[in-house]
Amino acid sequence: MMPIDLQCSFLVGSMMAFISGRRLPMATPTWLARARILALIFGGIVFTPVWIYITLRWTPWESMYVWDLSSVPFSLVALFPPGLSLAALLGFNTTARLLSTRRVISSVGINLLVLASCVAVVVPGWERFTFVGTLEEFAAGMRGNLLKSDLALFVIAVTVLFFAPAAVLIVRALRREDDA
């Protein structure tokens, strides 16, 4: 859903910093550069194609029933891919900087605020979040079919086949001992 995609990307980048936590205070510039590139890769190569597909296939759901594919602003769709990568990088940099200076509570607090912003969108928009269909179907009052939708199947499949393997590769790369 567009209103929480940037926050989710921020949280993914931040999670990469938490995974790297112990290494951050003594990380070399080379290792930090590689970690930042991994955050950009996850945002740009892993998260963005999935977001684009969801936007093209389920535009009303992705826009919380504001637009359909014919009315979604092209500029918004064009700005989101780099935004997702930059949000992941911002999440990594913010959390890494705080963790490297041993401000764990501050880093957790920032991430809780970002997570709270997601909750603040999803909870009031629960009917929009749990329904997958057209603008007309939503306006007609149809509700609550997310778990039985092809979107749910897609999310499960992409998580198992795409996100999980990418996450494993990224975690391994972050934990590599060279350039510590």
C-alpha atoms as a PDB file:
ATOM      1  CA  MET A   1       0.000   0.000   0.000  1.00  0.00           C
ATOM      2  CA  MET A   2       1.470   3.299  -1.135  1.00  0.00           C
ATOM      3  CA  PRO A   3       0.925   5.093   2.180  1.00  0.00           C
ATOM      4  CA  ILE A   4       3.241   2.642   3.988  1.00  0.00           C
ATOM      5  CA  ASP A   5       5.665   1.450   1.309  1.00  0.00           C
ATOM      6  CA  LEU A   6       8.362   4.015   2.054  1.00  0.00           C
ATOM      7  CA  GLN A   7       8.151   3.267   5.768  1.00  0.00           C
ATOM      8  CA  CYS A   8       8.416  -0.468   5.096  1.00  0.00           C
ATOM      9  CA  SER A   9      11.475   0.121   2.948  1.00  0.00           C
ATOM     10  CA  PHE A  10      12.990   2.296   5.714  1.00  0.00           C
ATOM     11  CA  LEU A  11      12.347  -0.523   8.201  1.00  0.00           C
ATOM     12  CA  VAL A  12      13.999  -3.083   5.901  1.00  0.00           C
ATOM     13  CA  GLY A  13      17.125  -0.923   5.683  1.00  0.00           C
ATOM     14  CA  SER A  14      17.026  -0.384   9.415  1.00  0.00           C
ATOM     15  CA  MET A  15      16.730  -4.119  10.023  1.00  0.00           C
ATOM     16  CA  MET A  16      19.880  -4.573   7.963  1.00  0.00           C
ATOM     17  CA  ALA A  17      21.652  -2.197  10.360  1.00  0.00           C
ATOM     18  CA  PHE A  18      20.314  -4.089  13.386  1.00  0.00           C
ATOM     19  CA  ILE A  19      21.599  -7.338  11.854  1.00  0.00           C
ATOM     20  CA  SER A  20      24.999  -5.647  11.511  1.00  0.00           C
ATOM     21  CA  GLY A  21      24.803  -4.132  14.989  1.00  0.00           C
ATOM     22  CA  ARG A  22      27.941  -5.501  16.631  1.00  0.00           C
ATOM     23  CA  ARG A  23      30.091  -4.734  13.620  1.00  0.00           C
ATOM     24  CA  LEU A  24      29.020  -1.120  13.219  1.00  0.00           C
ATOM     25  CA  PRO A  25      31.239   0.533  15.879  1.00  0.00           C
ATOM     26  CA  MET A  26      34.364  -0.965  14.287  1.00  0.00           C
ATOM     27  CA  ALA A  27      33.239  -1.175  10.646  1.00  0.00           C
ATOM     28  CA  THR A  28      35.669  -0.080   7.979  1.00  0.00           C
ATOM     29  CA  PRO A  29      34.622   2.422   5.312  1.00  0.00           C
ATOM     30  CA  THR A  30      34.746  -0.418   2.773  1.00  0.00           C
ATOM     31  CA  TRP A  31      32.403  -2.592   4.791  1.00  0.00           C
ATOM     32  CA  LEU A  32      30.004   0.329   5.372  1.00  0.00           C
ATOM     33  CA  ALA A  33      30.001   1.117   1.644  1.00  0.00           C
ATOM     34  CA  ARG A  34      29.148  -2.498   0.863  1.00  0.00           C
ATOM     35  CA  ALA A  35      26.370  -2.497   3.478  1.00  0.00           C
ATOM     36  CA  ARG A  36      24.892   0.700   2.004  1.00  0.00           C
ATOM     37  CA  ILE A  37      24.986  -0.831  -1.451  1.00  0.00           C
ATOM     38  CA  LEU A  38      23.147  -3.874  -0.092  1.00  0.00           C
ATOM     39  CA  ALA A  39      20.435  -1.588   1.305  1.00  0.00           C
ATOM     40  CA  LEU A  40      20.107   0.101  -2.082  1.00  0.00           C
ATOM     41  CA  ILE A  41      20.047  -3.275  -3.828  1.00  0.00           C
ATOM     42  CA  PHE A  42      17.288  -4.583  -1.600  1.00  0.00           C
ATOM     43  CA  GLY A  43      15.246  -1.438  -2.104  1.00  0.00           C
ATOM     44  CA  GLY A  44      15.890  -1.185  -5.843  1.00  0.00           C
ATOM     45  CA  ILE A  45      16.245  -4.726  -7.111  1.00  0.00           C
ATOM     46  CA  VAL A  46      14.204  -6.737  -4.619  1.00  0.00           C
ATOM     47  CA  PHE A  47      11.462  -4.489  -3.237  1.00  0.00           C
ATOM     48  CA  THR A  48      10.822  -2.158  -6.208  1.00  0.00           C
ATOM     49  CA  PRO A  49       9.899  -4.762  -8.873  1.00  0.00           C
ATOM     50  CA  VAL A  50       7.409  -6.334  -6.479  1.00  0.00           C
ATOM     51  CA  TRP A  51       5.955  -2.915  -5.700  1.00  0.00           C
ATOM     52  CA  ILE A  52       5.670  -2.076  -9.423  1.00  0.00           C
ATOM     53  CA  TYR A  53       3.888  -5.356 -10.139  1.00  0.00           C
ATOM     54  CA  ILE A  54       1.466  -4.852  -7.247  1.00  0.00           C
ATOM     55  CA  THR A  55       0.834  -1.276  -8.401  1.00  0.00           C
ATOM     56  CA  LEU A  56       0.135  -2.359 -11.967  1.00  0.00           C
ATOM     57  CA  ARG A  57      -1.931  -5.428 -11.037  1.00  0.00           C
ATOM     58  CA  TRP A  58      -3.787  -4.204  -7.922  1.00  0.00           C
ATOM     59  CA  THR A  59      -3.703  -0.397  -8.297  1.00  0.00           C
ATOM     60  CA  PRO A  60      -6.914   0.250  -6.315  1.00  0.00           C
ATOM     61  CA  TRP A  61      -5.655  -1.760  -3.321  1.00  0.00           C
ATOM     62  CA  GLU A  62      -2.148  -0.291  -3.517  1.00  0.00           C
ATOM     63  CA  SER A  63      -3.608   3.235  -3.560  1.00  0.00           C
ATOM     64  CA  MET A  64      -6.170   2.443  -0.814  1.00  0.00           C
ATOM     65  CA  TYR A  65      -8.980   2.844  -3.366  1.00  0.00           C
ATOM     66  CA  VAL A  66      -8.039   6.343  -4.451  1.00  0.00           C
ATOM     67  CA  TRP A  67      -6.965   5.444  -8.013  1.00  0.00           C
ATOM     68  CA  ASP A  68      -7.264   2.700 -10.561  1.00  0.00           C
ATOM     69  CA  LEU A  69      -4.610   1.946 -13.188  1.00  0.00           C
ATOM     70  CA  SER A  70      -6.018   4.546 -15.594  1.00  0.00           C
ATOM     71  CA  SER A  71      -5.985   7.355 -13.035  1.00  0.00           C
ATOM     72  CA  VAL A  72      -2.897   6.754 -10.863  1.00  0.00           C
ATOM     73  CA  PRO A  73      -0.517   9.696 -11.385  1.00  0.00           C
ATOM     74  CA  PHE A  74       2.406   8.585 -13.529  1.00  0.00           C
ATOM     75  CA  SER A  75       4.730  10.952 -11.659  1.00  0.00           C
ATOM     76  CA  LEU A  76       3.930   9.120  -8.422  1.00  0.00           C
ATOM     77  CA  VAL A  77       4.709   5.758 -10.000  1.00  0.00           C
ATOM     78  CA  ALA A  78       7.933   7.176 -11.470  1.00  0.00           C
ATOM     79  CA  LEU A  79       9.098   8.661  -8.160  1.00  0.00           C
ATOM     80  CA  PHE A  80       8.413   5.625  -6.002  1.00  0.00           C
ATOM     81  CA  PRO A  81      11.163   3.249  -7.236  1.00  0.00           C
ATOM     82  CA  PRO A  82      14.035   5.583  -6.369  1.00  0.00           C
ATOM     83  CA  GLY A  83      12.142   6.560  -3.235  1.00  0.00           C
ATOM     84  CA  LEU A  84      12.021   2.950  -2.072  1.00  0.00           C
ATOM     85  CA  SER A  85      15.764   2.535  -2.523  1.00  0.00           C
ATOM     86  CA  LEU A  86      16.514   5.808  -0.800  1.00  0.00           C
ATOM     87  CA  ALA A  87      14.165   4.970   2.076  1.00  0.00           C
ATOM     88  CA  ALA A  88      16.004   1.662   2.614  1.00  0.00           C
ATOM     89  CA  LEU A  89      19.319   3.513   2.547  1.00  0.00           C
ATOM     90  CA  LEU A  90      17.991   6.141   4.974  1.00  0.00           C
ATOM     91  CA  GLY A  91      16.781   3.381   7.302  1.00  0.00           C
ATOM     92  CA  PHE A  92      20.171   1.705   7.228  1.00  0.00           C
ATOM     93  CA  ASN A  93      22.149   4.934   7.668  1.00  0.00           C
ATOM     94  CA  THR A  94      19.974   6.299  10.466  1.00  0.00           C
ATOM     95  CA  THR A  95      19.996   3.095  12.479  1.00  0.00           C
ATOM     96  CA  ALA A  96      23.643   2.309  11.740  1.00  0.00           C
ATOM     97  CA  ARG A  97      24.747   5.760  12.885  1.00  0.00           C
ATOM     98  CA  LEU A  98      22.784   5.444  16.125  1.00  0.00           C
ATOM     99  CA  LEU A  99      23.946   1.881  16.790  1.00  0.00           C
ATOM    100  CA  SER A 100      27.586   2.703  16.048  1.00  0.00           C
ATOM    101  CA  THR A 101      27.438   5.395  18.728  1.00  0.00           C
ATOM    102  CA  ARG A 102      25.698   2.955  21.093  1.00  0.00           C
ATOM    103  CA  ARG A 103      22.370   4.809  21.101  1.00  0.00           C
ATOM    104  CA  VAL A 104      20.284   1.649  20.884  1.00  0.00           C
ATOM    105  CA  ILE A 105      17.224   3.109  22.601  1.00  0.00           C
ATOM    106  CA  SER A 106      17.157   6.024  20.145  1.00  0.00           C
ATOM    107  CA  SER A 107      17.414   3.657  17.180  1.00  0.00           C
ATOM    108  CA  VAL A 108      14.622   1.472  18.539  1.00  0.00           C
ATOM    109  CA  GLY A 109      12.535   4.577  19.224  1.00  0.00           C
ATOM    110  CA  ILE A 110      12.888   5.904  15.677  1.00  0.00           C
ATOM    111  CA  ASN A 111      11.946   2.522  14.264  1.00  0.00           C
ATOM    112  CA  LEU A 112       8.936   2.299  16.572  1.00  0.00           C
ATOM    113  CA  LEU A 113       7.802   5.719  15.325  1.00  0.00           C
ATOM    114  CA  VAL A 114       8.107   4.574  11.712  1.00  0.00           C
ATOM    115  CA  LEU A 115       6.215   1.381  12.550  1.00  0.00           C
ATOM    116  CA  ALA A 116       3.568   3.429  14.376  1.00  0.00           C
ATOM    117  CA  SER A 117       3.081   5.501  11.219  1.00  0.00           C
ATOM    118  CA  CYS A 118       2.272   2.270   9.357  1.00  0.00           C
ATOM    119  CA  VAL A 119      -0.202   1.250  12.047  1.00  0.00           C
ATOM    120  CA  ALA A 120      -1.725   4.743  11.903  1.00  0.00           C
ATOM    121  CA  VAL A 121      -2.482   4.182   8.217  1.00  0.00           C
ATOM    122  CA  VAL A 122      -3.583   0.538   8.328  1.00  0.00           C
ATOM    123  CA  VAL A 123      -5.862   0.605  11.381  1.00  0.00           C
ATOM    124  CA  PRO A 124      -8.139   3.456  10.253  1.00  0.00           C
ATOM    125  CA  GLY A 125      -7.999   2.109   6.697  1.00  0.00           C
ATOM    126  CA  TRP A 126      -8.673  -1.490   7.751  1.00  0.00           C
ATOM    127  CA  GLU A 127     -11.576  -1.943   5.316  1.00  0.00           C
ATOM    128  CA  ARG A 128      -9.380  -0.694   2.482  1.00  0.00           C
ATOM    129  CA  PHE A 129      -6.455  -2.867   3.602  1.00  0.00           C
ATOM    130  CA  THR A 130      -8.451  -6.100   3.864  1.00  0.00           C
ATOM    131  CA  PHE A 131     -10.335  -5.792   0.572  1.00  0.00           C
ATOM    132  CA  VAL A 132      -8.898  -6.510  -2.867  1.00  0.00           C
ATOM    133  CA  GLY A 133     -10.945  -5.465  -5.877  1.00  0.00           C
ATOM    134  CA  THR A 134     -11.898  -2.601  -8.139  1.00  0.00           C
ATOM    135  CA  LEU A 135     -12.831   0.934  -7.180  1.00  0.00           C
ATOM    136  CA  GLU A 136     -16.429   0.129  -8.093  1.00  0.00           C
ATOM    137  CA  GLU A 137     -16.521  -3.012  -5.936  1.00  0.00           C
ATOM    138  CA  PHE A 138     -15.108  -1.123  -2.977  1.00  0.00           C
ATOM    139  CA  ALA A 139     -17.586   1.728  -3.467  1.00  0.00           C
ATOM    140  CA  ALA A 140     -20.406  -0.847  -3.629  1.00  0.00           C
ATOM    141  CA  GLY A 141     -19.487  -2.008  -0.132  1.00  0.00           C
ATOM    142  CA  MET A 142     -17.668  -5.284  -0.771  1.00  0.00           C
ATOM    143  CA  ARG A 143     -15.280  -6.046   2.103  1.00  0.00           C
ATOM    144  CA  GLY A 144     -12.795  -8.403   3.707  1.00  0.00           C
ATOM    145  CA  ASN A 145     -11.465 -10.760   1.030  1.00  0.00           C
ATOM    146  CA  LEU A 146      -7.704 -10.157   1.288  1.00  0.00           C
ATOM    147  CA  LEU A 147      -6.848 -13.603   2.642  1.00  0.00           C
ATOM    148  CA  LYS A 148      -8.757 -15.299  -0.185  1.00  0.00           C
ATOM    149  CA  SER A 149      -7.402 -13.063  -2.943  1.00  0.00           C
ATOM    150  CA  ASP A 150      -4.791 -13.628  -5.610  1.00  0.00           C
ATOM    151  CA  LEU A 151      -2.850 -10.753  -3.985  1.00  0.00           C
ATOM    152  CA  ALA A 152      -2.406 -12.839  -0.837  1.00  0.00           C
ATOM    153  CA  LEU A 153      -1.146 -15.764  -2.925  1.00  0.00           C
ATOM    154  CA  PHE A 154       1.231 -13.447  -4.734  1.00  0.00           C
ATOM    155  CA  VAL A 155       2.607 -12.046  -1.460  1.00  0.00           C
ATOM    156  CA  ILE A 156       3.153 -15.556  -0.097  1.00  0.00           C
ATOM    157  CA  ALA A 157       4.837 -16.715  -3.306  1.00  0.00           C
ATOM    158  CA  VAL A 158       7.074 -13.656  -3.605  1.00  0.00           C
ATOM    159  CA  THR A 159       8.051 -13.929   0.049  1.00  0.00           C
ATOM    160  CA  VAL A 160       9.059 -17.572  -0.269  1.00  0.00           C
ATOM    161  CA  LEU A 161      10.637 -17.379  -3.720  1.00  0.00           C
ATOM    162  CA  PHE A 162      12.082 -13.863  -3.775  1.00  0.00           C
ATOM    163  CA  PHE A 163      12.243 -11.983  -0.444  1.00  0.00           C
ATOM    164  CA  ALA A 164      13.438 -14.855   1.756  1.00  0.00           C
ATOM    165  CA  PRO A 165      16.326 -15.922  -0.532  1.00  0.00           C
ATOM    166  CA  ALA A 166      17.349 -12.281  -1.025  1.00  0.00           C
ATOM    167  CA  ALA A 167      17.238 -11.706   2.732  1.00  0.00           C
ATOM    168  CA  VAL A 168      19.414 -14.773   3.362  1.00  0.00           C
ATOM    169  CA  LEU A 169      21.985 -13.565   0.820  1.00  0.00           C
ATOM    170  CA  ILE A 170      22.015 -10.071   2.293  1.00  0.00           C
ATOM    171  CA  VAL A 171      22.369 -11.336   5.867  1.00  0.00           C
ATOM    172  CA  ARG A 172      25.263 -13.542   4.792  1.00  0.00           C
ATOM    173  CA  ALA A 173      26.927 -10.615   3.035  1.00  0.00           C
ATOM    174  CA  LEU A 174      26.470  -8.384   6.095  1.00  0.00           C
ATOM    175  CA  ARG A 175      27.998 -11.020   8.349  1.00  0.00           C
ATOM    176  CA  ARG A 176      31.011 -11.793   6.173  1.00  0.00           C
ATOM    177  CA  GLU A 177      34.224 -11.450   8.101  1.00  0.00           C
ATOM    178  CA  ASP A 178      36.371  -9.808   5.449  1.00  0.00           C
ATOM    179  CA  ASP A 179      36.626  -6.005   5.656  1.00  0.00           C
ATOM    180  CA  ALA A 180      35.373  -6.069   9.239  1.00  0.00           C
END
